[in-house]
């Protein structure tokens, strides 16, 4: 998948947090502002991918914002994997 400017910015920003390259405080302070700024253009660039972003990453952030820093980082990482269609196989053993 090839993301254009605004989609790439949002996904890279979220990946920085998921990879541990950004603190929870910095992520929380900037996330909503970046979504407000970049998501409308992302919708114009890629309507279907922007919906997938909203259904995976943004939904996870909204639902899991109460979690500890490490737990949120892991949940966001899983959401990024799902967005990128790189979700690992379930480990049930």
C-alpha atoms as a PDB file:
ATOM      1  CA  UNK A   1       0.000   0.000   0.000  1.00  0.00           C
ATOM      2  CA  UNK A   2       1.335   3.403  -0.954  1.00  0.00           C
ATOM      3  CA  UNK A   3       0.155   6.184   1.323  1.00  0.00           C
ATOM      4  CA  UNK A   4       0.219   9.775   0.209  1.00  0.00           C
ATOM      5  CA  UNK A   5       1.387  12.733   2.284  1.00  0.00           C
ATOM      6  CA  UNK A   6      -1.289  13.025   4.983  1.00  0.00           C
ATOM      7  CA  UNK A   7      -1.958   9.321   5.417  1.00  0.00           C
ATOM      8  CA  UNK A   8       1.751   8.598   5.612  1.00  0.00           C
ATOM      9  CA  UNK A   9       2.200  11.327   8.213  1.00  0.00           C
ATOM     10  CA  UNK A  10      -0.531   9.922  10.469  1.00  0.00           C
ATOM     11  CA  UNK A  11       0.584   6.315  10.149  1.00  0.00           C
ATOM     12  CA  UNK A  12       4.257   7.178  10.702  1.00  0.00           C
ATOM     13  CA  UNK A  13       3.348   9.269  13.739  1.00  0.00           C
ATOM     14  CA  UNK A  14       1.390   6.402  15.279  1.00  0.00           C
ATOM     15  CA  UNK A  15       4.133   3.911  14.398  1.00  0.00           C
ATOM     16  CA  UNK A  16       6.692   6.062  16.230  1.00  0.00           C
ATOM     17  CA  UNK A  17       4.673   5.629  19.413  1.00  0.00           C
ATOM     18  CA  UNK A  18       4.048   1.929  18.817  1.00  0.00           C
ATOM     19  CA  UNK A  19       7.773   1.344  18.242  1.00  0.00           C
ATOM     20  CA  UNK A  20       8.729   3.162  21.438  1.00  0.00           C
ATOM     21  CA  UNK A  21      10.285   6.148  19.700  1.00  0.00           C
ATOM     22  CA  UNK A  22       7.892   8.583  21.397  1.00  0.00           C
ATOM     23  CA  UNK A  23       6.648   8.994  24.950  1.00  0.00           C
ATOM     24  CA  UNK A  24       3.012   8.498  25.880  1.00  0.00           C
ATOM     25  CA  UNK A  25       2.829  12.130  26.947  1.00  0.00           C
ATOM     26  CA  UNK A  26       4.046  13.398  23.561  1.00  0.00           C
ATOM     27  CA  UNK A  27       1.726  11.000  21.737  1.00  0.00           C
ATOM     28  CA  UNK A  28      -1.325  12.039  23.763  1.00  0.00           C
ATOM     29  CA  UNK A  29      -0.549  15.732  23.358  1.00  0.00           C
ATOM     30  CA  UNK A  30      -0.235  15.560  19.565  1.00  0.00           C
ATOM     31  CA  UNK A  31      -2.526  12.735  18.414  1.00  0.00           C
ATOM     32  CA  UNK A  32      -5.875  14.552  18.377  1.00  0.00           C
ATOM     33  CA  UNK A  33      -4.418  17.678  16.812  1.00  0.00           C
ATOM     34  CA  UNK A  34      -2.730  15.704  14.058  1.00  0.00           C
ATOM     35  CA  UNK A  35      -5.925  13.776  13.334  1.00  0.00           C
ATOM     36  CA  UNK A  36      -7.877  17.043  13.105  1.00  0.00           C
ATOM     37  CA  UNK A  37      -5.227  18.548  10.834  1.00  0.00           C
ATOM     38  CA  UNK A  38      -4.420  15.590   8.562  1.00  0.00           C
ATOM     39  CA  UNK A  39      -7.416  13.235   8.529  1.00  0.00           C
ATOM     40  CA  UNK A  40      -9.662  15.324   6.227  1.00  0.00           C
ATOM     41  CA  UNK A  41      -6.907  15.358   3.588  1.00  0.00           C
ATOM     42  CA  UNK A  42      -6.217  11.673   4.213  1.00  0.00           C
ATOM     43  CA  UNK A  43      -9.900  11.009   3.447  1.00  0.00           C
ATOM     44  CA  UNK A  44      -9.527  12.816   0.119  1.00  0.00           C
ATOM     45  CA  UNK A  45      -6.282  10.989  -0.699  1.00  0.00           C
ATOM     46  CA  UNK A  46      -7.531   7.501   0.182  1.00  0.00           C
ATOM     47  CA  UNK A  47     -11.196   7.212   1.215  1.00  0.00           C
ATOM     48  CA  UNK A  48     -11.042   3.473   1.952  1.00  0.00           C
ATOM     49  CA  UNK A  49      -7.704   3.546   3.751  1.00  0.00           C
ATOM     50  CA  UNK A  50      -8.757   6.500   5.868  1.00  0.00           C
ATOM     51  CA  UNK A  51     -11.847   4.534   6.946  1.00  0.00           C
ATOM     52  CA  UNK A  52      -9.606   1.577   7.807  1.00  0.00           C
ATOM     53  CA  UNK A  53      -7.406   3.936   9.859  1.00  0.00           C
ATOM     54  CA  UNK A  54     -10.488   5.166  11.724  1.00  0.00           C
ATOM     55  CA  UNK A  55     -11.741   1.612  12.276  1.00  0.00           C
ATOM     56  CA  UNK A  56      -8.415   0.286  13.568  1.00  0.00           C
ATOM     57  CA  UNK A  57      -5.986   2.842  14.941  1.00  0.00           C
ATOM     58  CA  UNK A  58      -8.349   5.642  15.944  1.00  0.00           C
ATOM     59  CA  UNK A  59     -10.876   3.248  17.455  1.00  0.00           C
ATOM     60  CA  UNK A  60      -8.117   1.587  19.477  1.00  0.00           C
ATOM     61  CA  UNK A  61      -6.843   4.930  20.746  1.00  0.00           C
ATOM     62  CA  UNK A  62     -10.348   5.965  21.792  1.00  0.00           C
ATOM     63  CA  UNK A  63     -11.157   2.658  23.463  1.00  0.00           C
ATOM     64  CA  UNK A  64      -7.795   2.107  25.144  1.00  0.00           C
ATOM     65  CA  UNK A  65      -6.720   5.593  26.248  1.00  0.00           C
ATOM     66  CA  UNK A  66      -7.297   4.588  29.887  1.00  0.00           C
ATOM     67  CA  UNK A  67      -4.597   1.885  29.705  1.00  0.00           C
ATOM     68  CA  UNK A  68      -1.117   2.096  31.123  1.00  0.00           C
ATOM     69  CA  UNK A  69       1.577   3.467  28.837  1.00  0.00           C
ATOM     70  CA  UNK A  70       2.963   0.031  27.907  1.00  0.00           C
ATOM     71  CA  UNK A  71      -0.473  -1.519  27.397  1.00  0.00           C
ATOM     72  CA  UNK A  72      -1.583   1.351  25.136  1.00  0.00           C
ATOM     73  CA  UNK A  73       1.654   1.151  23.187  1.00  0.00           C
ATOM     74  CA  UNK A  74       1.051  -2.572  22.625  1.00  0.00           C
ATOM     75  CA  UNK A  75      -2.621  -2.032  21.674  1.00  0.00           C
ATOM     76  CA  UNK A  76      -1.690   0.711  19.202  1.00  0.00           C
ATOM     77  CA  UNK A  77       1.010  -1.551  17.769  1.00  0.00           C
ATOM     78  CA  UNK A  78      -1.574  -4.277  17.213  1.00  0.00           C
ATOM     79  CA  UNK A  79      -3.897  -1.749  15.560  1.00  0.00           C
ATOM     80  CA  UNK A  80      -1.088  -0.591  13.255  1.00  0.00           C
ATOM     81  CA  UNK A  81      -0.405  -4.218  12.314  1.00  0.00           C
ATOM     82  CA  UNK A  82      -4.088  -4.699  11.563  1.00  0.00           C
ATOM     83  CA  UNK A  83      -4.178  -1.483   9.514  1.00  0.00           C
ATOM     84  CA  UNK A  84      -1.157  -2.644   7.531  1.00  0.00           C
ATOM     85  CA  UNK A  85      -2.669  -6.142   7.292  1.00  0.00           C
ATOM     86  CA  UNK A  86       0.313  -7.580   9.107  1.00  0.00           C
ATOM     87  CA  UNK A  87      -1.532  -9.072  12.058  1.00  0.00           C
ATOM     88  CA  UNK A  88       0.312 -12.119  13.390  1.00  0.00           C
ATOM     89  CA  UNK A  89      -1.422 -15.471  13.597  1.00  0.00           C
ATOM     90  CA  UNK A  90      -3.302 -16.043  16.840  1.00  0.00           C
ATOM     91  CA  UNK A  91      -1.235 -17.721  19.529  1.00  0.00           C
ATOM     92  CA  UNK A  92      -3.689 -19.820  21.493  1.00  0.00           C
ATOM     93  CA  UNK A  93      -1.239 -22.292  23.023  1.00  0.00           C
END
